Amino acid sequence: MSEASTKRGRNSATDSLVPLAARAEEAVFWPVWLRQRLAVPGLVGVTVTAAFLLAVSVAAGAWRSGALRTEIVGEALFFALSLGLIMELAALIPRSAQDDLDVLARELTVDDALRKRLHSALVRYPAGDVAVNAAIGIALGAVHVALTGPGWSGLTEDPVAALLAIATLALWAMMVQTGSLLVTNARLFATLGRTAVRVEVLSPDKLRPFATVALRPMLLVMVLLAAYPLMLLGSDGFGATSAIGPVATTLLALAAVWVPLRGLAGRIREARASRLSQLDAAITAVLQTADEHGAPADPERLEALIAVRARVRAAPSFPIGLGVIGRALAYLAIPVATWGGKGFAEGLLNHLF
């Protein structure tokens, strides 16, 4: 590649990344800021939230016939675990993405100043966008509350239901805020992969941070999905409205996995096609030196070129094998299959007996 074309490529990468780096001037995403200020383990927050929700549930009249209602315990534990862990992971995942960017530093074609701005942008988000996303989450939570339980009309008669409705709004607000930042960061890595990274077809391990960026949000989604069975404690069975949260979190996981790998996958395909074209031209040149008996002048070089071409053709299109992605998706499906199968079985037995 000529110096002029290399320079044009760098300018193109800079032009596409500068808007994404503009977030470096914005405020730090508030869960990240809070985690930096309060240097306490995330499980402490989960425990405090659980204790608070359970105490308020009891004080609000959750006792009945001397025993705590099982469904209240399950729902309180679900919101405690979900809110506490999403707060922790909303801070952990963007900061880990910064580490991934640092590992990729040697493979990037952008200058160090732009890379540092991108590094800072990964944990920052405009306060106005955060507020808008929180409002969207609250609106979605309001629809969720209206479709489940007693609905909004029954909350005045049931203080516990009102408390859990507030928790639902808070969880949806956190999910939309965090999901928006994760998808935005995924777009940043997608742009890096498409325009600003050196691709070596036979050395995909150098680009493995792209895979970790893609798979790490699955940790958040799997945690939320694994907590959903708590919502079924003491319930009559599995309903269609119970799938609203799991479907939303699963869609977020699929978007977070595909988006950061999208640009890099195209670059790898282009690099592989270019390398194969060069190898085919070299093989043709060697074959043209064959004598009248068809024997090439340099058979060892011919064999080496054919072997390299076979390796390039077999090289993966992602910096991570499809088998690993398949296993990650399988792990993602385990919680859904567990509580979904349980709910289906209960519904079938109730219908039959």
Protein backbone atom coordinates (compact mmCIF):
# COMPACT_ATOMS: atom_id res chain seq x y z
CA MET A 1 0.00 0.00 0.00
CA SER A 2 1.38 3.43 -0.96
CA GLU A 3 2.07 6.19 1.56
CA ALA A 4 -0.65 8.35 -0.01
CA SER A 5 -3.32 5.65 0.29
CA THR A 6 -2.25 4.92 3.87
CA LYS A 7 -2.62 8.61 4.72
CA ARG A 8 -6.08 8.72 3.10
CA GLY A 9 -7.10 5.70 5.16
CA ARG A 10 -5.97 7.36 8.37
CA ASN A 11 -7.84 10.55 7.50
CA SER A 12 -11.00 8.56 6.78
CA ALA A 13 -10.69 6.73 10.11
CA THR A 14 -10.17 10.02 11.94
CA ASP A 15 -13.19 11.62 10.27
CA SER A 16 -15.47 8.75 11.31
CA LEU A 17 -14.13 8.51 14.86
CA VAL A 18 -14.00 12.19 15.81
CA PRO A 19 -17.79 12.45 16.37
CA LEU A 20 -17.65 9.37 18.60
CA ALA A 21 -14.73 10.83 20.54
CA ALA A 22 -16.73 13.99 21.25
CA ARG A 23 -18.25 12.23 24.25
CA ALA A 24 -14.89 12.70 25.99
CA GLU A 25 -16.08 16.21 26.85
CA GLU A 26 -19.29 15.00 28.49
CA ALA A 27 -19.97 13.96 32.08
CA VAL A 28 -18.95 10.54 33.34
CA PHE A 29 -21.86 8.08 33.20
CA TRP A 30 -23.33 8.34 36.69
CA PRO A 31 -23.00 4.62 37.71
CA VAL A 32 -19.31 4.81 36.80
CA TRP A 33 -18.94 8.05 38.79
CA LEU A 34 -20.82 6.54 41.73
CA ARG A 35 -18.70 3.39 41.66
CA GLN A 36 -15.54 5.49 41.70
CA ARG A 37 -16.80 7.57 44.63
CA LEU A 38 -18.15 4.67 46.69
CA ALA A 39 -15.36 2.10 46.78
CA VAL A 40 -17.55 -0.69 48.18
CA PRO A 41 -18.12 -4.18 46.73
CA GLY A 42 -21.15 -4.45 44.48
CA LEU A 43 -22.68 -7.20 46.63
CA VAL A 44 -22.94 -4.73 49.50
CA GLY A 45 -25.30 -2.63 47.40
CA VAL A 46 -27.29 -5.73 46.47
CA THR A 47 -27.60 -6.77 50.12
CA VAL A 48 -28.68 -3.29 51.25
CA THR A 49 -31.26 -3.08 48.46
CA ALA A 50 -32.64 -6.53 49.31
CA ALA A 51 -32.90 -5.70 53.00
CA PHE A 52 -34.65 -2.40 52.23
CA LEU A 53 -37.20 -3.90 49.86
CA LEU A 54 -38.00 -6.79 52.18
CA ALA A 55 -38.33 -4.50 55.21
CA VAL A 56 -40.67 -2.11 53.38
CA SER A 57 -42.70 -5.03 52.05
CA VAL A 58 -43.21 -6.35 55.56
CA ALA A 59 -43.98 -2.90 56.97
CA ALA A 60 -46.50 -2.26 54.19
CA GLY A 61 -48.59 -5.25 55.19
CA ALA A 62 -47.03 -8.16 53.34
CA TRP A 63 -47.77 -10.46 56.28
CA ARG A 64 -50.81 -12.61 55.93
CA SER A 65 -51.89 -15.26 58.42
CA GLY A 66 -48.57 -15.01 60.21
CA ALA A 67 -46.53 -15.90 57.12
CA LEU A 68 -44.81 -13.70 54.59
CA ARG A 69 -46.35 -14.02 51.14
CA THR A 70 -43.99 -16.01 48.93
CA GLU A 71 -44.64 -13.99 45.80
CA ILE A 72 -43.69 -10.77 47.62
CA VAL A 73 -40.41 -12.30 48.76
CA GLY A 74 -39.65 -13.49 45.23
CA GLU A 75 -40.40 -10.17 43.58
CA ALA A 76 -38.50 -8.20 46.23
CA LEU A 77 -35.46 -10.44 45.82
CA PHE A 78 -35.67 -10.16 42.03
CA PHE A 79 -35.66 -6.37 42.06
CA ALA A 80 -32.97 -6.29 44.74
CA LEU A 81 -30.62 -8.54 42.77
CA SER A 82 -31.42 -6.93 39.43
CA LEU A 83 -31.04 -3.32 40.54
CA GLY A 84 -27.94 -3.98 42.61
CA LEU A 85 -26.15 -5.99 39.94
CA ILE A 86 -27.11 -3.77 37.01
CA MET A 87 -25.70 -0.82 38.96
CA GLU A 88 -22.44 -2.69 39.45
CA LEU A 89 -22.19 -3.96 35.86
CA ALA A 90 -23.18 -0.58 34.39
CA ALA A 91 -19.93 0.70 35.90
CA LEU A 92 -17.81 -2.41 35.30
CA ILE A 93 -18.51 -3.03 31.61
CA PRO A 94 -17.58 0.45 30.26
CA ARG A 95 -14.42 0.54 32.37
CA SER A 96 -13.47 -2.92 31.10
CA ALA A 97 -14.03 -1.67 27.54
CA GLN A 98 -11.35 0.95 28.27
CA ASP A 99 -8.94 -1.87 29.12
CA ASP A 100 -9.81 -3.61 25.84
CA LEU A 101 -9.05 -0.42 23.93
CA ASP A 102 -5.67 -0.17 25.68
CA VAL A 103 -4.84 -3.74 24.62
CA LEU A 104 -5.71 -2.83 21.01
CA ALA A 105 -3.47 0.27 21.03
CA ARG A 106 -0.69 -1.31 18.94
CA GLU A 107 -3.15 -2.51 16.31
CA LEU A 108 -4.88 0.85 15.78
CA THR A 109 -3.99 3.28 13.02
CA VAL A 110 -5.22 6.41 14.82
CA ASP A 111 -2.90 8.83 16.61
CA ASP A 112 -2.42 8.61 20.36
CA ALA A 113 -4.39 11.80 21.10
CA LEU A 114 -7.52 10.48 19.39
CA ARG A 115 -7.13 7.10 21.05
CA LYS A 116 -7.02 8.75 24.49
CA ARG A 117 -10.20 10.69 23.69
CA LEU A 118 -11.93 7.49 22.61
CA HIS A 119 -10.71 5.85 25.82
CA SER A 120 -12.33 8.61 27.87
CA ALA A 121 -15.52 8.57 25.78
CA LEU A 122 -16.24 4.95 26.70
CA VAL A 123 -17.28 5.92 30.24
CA ARG A 124 -18.98 9.23 29.40
CA TYR A 125 -22.45 10.06 28.19
CA PRO A 126 -24.29 13.39 27.71
CA ALA A 127 -26.45 14.17 30.72
CA GLY A 128 -29.31 15.13 28.42
CA ASP A 129 -29.23 11.76 26.67
CA VAL A 130 -29.12 9.99 30.03
CA ALA A 131 -32.24 11.90 31.11
CA VAL A 132 -34.05 11.11 27.86
CA ASN A 133 -33.17 7.42 28.09
CA ALA A 134 -34.30 7.34 31.72
CA ALA A 135 -37.62 8.87 30.68
CA ILE A 136 -38.01 6.29 27.90
CA GLY A 137 -37.28 3.53 30.41
CA ILE A 138 -39.85 4.90 32.85
CA ALA A 139 -42.44 5.04 30.04
CA LEU A 140 -41.74 1.42 29.11
CA GLY A 141 -41.92 0.47 32.77
CA ALA A 142 -45.28 2.19 33.06
CA VAL A 143 -46.59 0.09 30.17
CA HIS A 144 -45.15 -3.01 31.85
CA VAL A 145 -46.91 -2.18 35.13
CA ALA A 146 -50.18 -1.54 33.30
CA LEU A 147 -50.01 -5.00 31.69
CA THR A 148 -49.09 -6.95 34.82
CA GLY A 149 -50.46 -7.50 38.30
CA PRO A 150 -53.28 -5.22 39.45
CA GLY A 151 -52.29 -2.50 37.00
CA TRP A 152 -52.12 1.17 37.91
CA SER A 153 -55.70 1.26 39.20
CA GLY A 154 -55.00 -1.30 41.91
CA LEU A 155 -51.87 0.29 43.33
CA THR A 156 -53.73 2.63 45.72
CA GLU A 157 -55.22 -0.39 47.50
CA ASP A 158 -51.99 -2.37 47.70
CA PRO A 159 -48.91 -0.57 49.09
CA VAL A 160 -46.69 -3.55 48.30
CA ALA A 161 -47.78 -3.53 44.65
CA ALA A 162 -47.07 0.20 44.55
CA LEU A 163 -43.56 -0.38 45.89
CA LEU A 164 -42.89 -3.09 43.31
CA ALA A 165 -44.28 -0.84 40.56
CA ILE A 166 -41.74 1.83 41.53
CA ALA A 167 -39.01 -0.84 41.43
CA THR A 168 -40.21 -1.84 37.94
CA LEU A 169 -39.91 1.75 36.73
CA ALA A 170 -36.42 2.04 38.23
CA LEU A 171 -35.26 -1.21 36.64
CA TRP A 172 -36.53 -0.22 33.19
CA ALA A 173 -34.90 3.20 33.54
CA MET A 174 -31.57 1.55 34.42
CA MET A 175 -31.86 -0.98 31.60
CA VAL A 176 -32.50 1.65 28.92
CA GLN A 177 -29.74 3.96 30.18
CA THR A 178 -27.18 1.17 30.45
CA GLY A 179 -28.25 -0.52 27.23
CA SER A 180 -27.98 2.76 25.33
CA LEU A 181 -24.41 3.31 26.54
CA LEU A 182 -23.41 -0.29 25.76
CA VAL A 183 -24.78 -0.06 22.22
CA THR A 184 -23.07 3.33 21.71
CA ASN A 185 -19.76 1.86 22.85
CA ALA A 186 -20.36 -1.11 20.57
CA ARG A 187 -20.77 1.31 17.65
CA LEU A 188 -17.45 2.90 18.60
CA PHE A 189 -15.68 -0.45 18.40
CA ALA A 190 -17.51 -1.27 15.18
CA THR A 191 -16.15 1.93 13.62
CA LEU A 192 -12.66 1.11 14.91
CA GLY A 193 -12.88 -2.35 13.37
CA ARG A 194 -14.12 -1.00 10.05
CA THR A 195 -11.70 1.91 9.61
CA ALA A 196 -8.86 2.07 12.13
CA VAL A 197 -7.35 -1.31 12.86
CA ARG A 198 -4.58 -3.34 11.23
CA VAL A 199 -5.92 -6.70 10.10
CA GLU A 200 -3.65 -9.72 9.80
CA VAL A 201 -5.70 -12.58 8.41
CA LEU A 202 -3.47 -15.25 9.94
CA SER A 203 -3.14 -13.50 13.34
CA PRO A 204 -6.71 -12.98 14.58
CA ASP A 205 -5.69 -13.27 18.25
CA LYS A 206 -4.34 -9.72 18.15
CA LEU A 207 -7.92 -8.53 17.71
CA ARG A 208 -9.43 -10.63 20.49
CA PRO A 209 -10.43 -7.54 22.53
CA PHE A 210 -13.19 -6.99 19.97
CA ALA A 211 -14.61 -10.35 21.01
CA THR A 212 -14.43 -9.58 24.72
CA VAL A 213 -16.18 -6.26 24.14
CA ALA A 214 -18.92 -8.14 22.31
CA LEU A 215 -19.35 -10.96 24.82
CA ARG A 216 -18.98 -9.09 28.12
CA PRO A 217 -22.47 -7.49 28.01
CA MET A 218 -23.83 -11.03 27.98
CA LEU A 219 -22.75 -11.21 31.62
CA LEU A 220 -25.23 -8.46 32.44
CA VAL A 221 -28.00 -10.07 30.41
CA MET A 222 -27.42 -13.55 31.85
CA VAL A 223 -27.53 -12.14 35.39
CA LEU A 224 -30.88 -10.49 34.72
CA LEU A 225 -32.30 -13.57 33.01
CA ALA A 226 -31.10 -15.85 35.80
CA ALA A 227 -32.96 -13.67 38.34
CA TYR A 228 -36.33 -13.88 36.57
CA PRO A 229 -37.38 -17.24 38.14
CA LEU A 230 -37.64 -15.37 41.46
CA MET A 231 -40.66 -13.58 39.97
CA LEU A 232 -42.46 -16.94 39.70
CA LEU A 233 -42.20 -17.81 43.41
CA GLY A 234 -45.70 -18.24 44.74
CA SER A 235 -47.26 -17.27 41.41
CA ASP A 236 -50.05 -19.19 39.73
CA GLY A 237 -47.95 -19.93 36.68
CA PHE A 238 -46.22 -18.50 33.68
CA GLY A 239 -47.95 -15.75 31.76
CA ALA A 240 -47.22 -14.00 28.49
CA THR A 241 -46.49 -10.73 30.30
CA SER A 242 -43.72 -12.46 32.23
CA ALA A 243 -41.73 -12.61 29.00
CA ILE A 244 -41.55 -8.83 28.51
CA GLY A 245 -38.37 -8.34 30.54
CA PRO A 246 -36.50 -11.43 29.27
CA VAL A 247 -37.27 -10.58 25.64
CA ALA A 248 -36.01 -7.01 26.09
CA THR A 249 -32.78 -8.11 27.77
CA THR A 250 -32.17 -10.84 25.17
CA LEU A 251 -32.55 -8.35 22.31
CA LEU A 252 -30.05 -6.09 24.07
CA ALA A 253 -27.57 -8.98 24.32
CA LEU A 254 -27.85 -9.83 20.63
CA ALA A 255 -27.35 -6.18 19.63
CA ALA A 256 -24.37 -5.78 21.96
CA VAL A 257 -22.72 -8.92 20.53
CA TRP A 258 -23.25 -8.23 16.84
CA VAL A 259 -22.65 -4.47 16.62
CA PRO A 260 -18.95 -4.30 17.71
CA LEU A 261 -17.99 -7.23 15.47
CA ARG A 262 -19.87 -5.98 12.43
CA GLY A 263 -17.23 -3.57 11.09
CA LEU A 264 -14.30 -5.84 11.88
CA ALA A 265 -15.91 -8.80 10.14
CA GLY A 266 -16.14 -6.80 6.91
CA ARG A 267 -12.50 -5.71 7.19
CA ILE A 268 -11.34 -9.28 7.74
CA ARG A 269 -13.29 -10.47 4.71
CA GLU A 270 -11.77 -7.71 2.57
CA ALA A 271 -8.26 -8.45 3.86
CA ARG A 272 -8.69 -12.15 3.21
CA ALA A 273 -9.97 -11.55 -0.33
CA SER A 274 -7.03 -9.21 -1.04
CA ARG A 275 -4.52 -11.72 0.36
CA LEU A 276 -6.03 -14.56 -1.68
CA SER A 277 -5.86 -12.42 -4.83
CA GLN A 278 -2.14 -11.75 -4.19
CA LEU A 279 -1.47 -15.44 -3.57
CA ASP A 280 -3.34 -16.48 -6.70
CA ALA A 281 -1.29 -13.99 -8.74
CA ALA A 282 1.94 -15.33 -7.22
CA ILE A 283 0.93 -18.94 -7.92
CA THR A 284 0.07 -18.04 -11.52
CA ALA A 285 3.49 -16.39 -11.92
CA VAL A 286 5.26 -19.51 -10.65
CA LEU A 287 3.22 -21.76 -12.95
CA GLN A 288 4.16 -19.63 -15.94
CA THR A 289 7.79 -20.61 -15.37
CA ALA A 290 7.02 -24.29 -16.01
CA ASP A 291 9.07 -26.11 -18.60
CA GLU A 292 7.75 -28.18 -21.47
CA HIS A 293 6.96 -31.03 -19.08
CA GLY A 294 4.85 -28.78 -16.83
CA ALA A 295 7.37 -28.71 -13.99
CA PRO A 296 7.65 -25.23 -12.35
CA ALA A 297 11.06 -23.66 -12.00
CA ASP A 298 10.54 -23.29 -8.20
CA PRO A 299 8.36 -26.16 -6.95
CA GLU A 300 9.13 -25.45 -3.28
CA ARG A 301 7.83 -21.89 -3.59
CA LEU A 302 4.73 -23.20 -5.36
CA GLU A 303 3.99 -25.64 -2.55
CA ALA A 304 4.54 -22.93 0.06
CA LEU A 305 2.17 -20.54 -1.74
CA ILE A 306 -0.52 -23.22 -2.03
CA ALA A 307 -0.17 -24.04 1.69
CA VAL A 308 -0.48 -20.38 2.69
CA ARG A 309 -3.51 -19.95 0.44
CA ALA A 310 -5.20 -22.92 2.15
CA ARG A 311 -4.52 -21.37 5.58
CA VAL A 312 -5.88 -18.00 4.48
CA ARG A 313 -9.04 -19.61 3.12
CA ALA A 314 -9.56 -21.41 6.43
CA ALA A 315 -8.94 -18.30 8.53
CA PRO A 316 -11.97 -17.18 10.59
CA SER A 317 -13.99 -14.09 9.73
CA PHE A 318 -14.17 -13.09 13.39
CA PRO A 319 -11.46 -12.64 16.04
CA ILE A 320 -13.27 -15.40 17.92
CA GLY A 321 -14.51 -18.77 16.72
CA LEU A 322 -18.17 -19.30 15.94
CA GLY A 323 -18.09 -22.15 18.45
CA VAL A 324 -17.34 -19.72 21.27
CA ILE A 325 -20.16 -17.44 20.16
CA GLY A 326 -22.45 -20.47 19.97
CA ARG A 327 -21.56 -21.50 23.52
CA ALA A 328 -22.17 -17.96 24.75
CA LEU A 329 -25.61 -17.92 23.14
CA ALA A 330 -26.31 -21.33 24.67
CA TYR A 331 -25.42 -19.99 28.12
CA LEU A 332 -27.72 -17.06 27.41
CA ALA A 333 -30.55 -19.45 26.58
CA ILE A 334 -30.15 -21.59 29.72
CA PRO A 335 -31.95 -19.19 32.11
CA VAL A 336 -34.77 -18.63 29.61
CA ALA A 337 -35.18 -22.36 29.02
CA THR A 338 -35.11 -23.05 32.76
CA TRP A 339 -37.85 -20.69 33.89
CA GLY A 340 -39.74 -20.94 30.60
CA GLY A 341 -39.82 -24.74 30.79
CA LYS A 342 -40.88 -24.60 34.42
CA GLY A 343 -43.70 -22.20 33.61
CA PHE A 344 -44.85 -24.24 30.60
CA ALA A 345 -44.87 -27.45 32.64
CA GLU A 346 -46.89 -25.82 35.45
CA GLY A 347 -49.37 -24.36 32.98
CA LEU A 348 -49.82 -27.74 31.28
CA LEU A 349 -50.34 -29.57 34.58
CA ASN A 350 -52.82 -26.95 35.81
CA HIS A 351 -54.75 -27.31 32.54
CA LEU A 352 -54.85 -31.11 32.77
CA PHE A 353 -55.59 -31.52 36.48
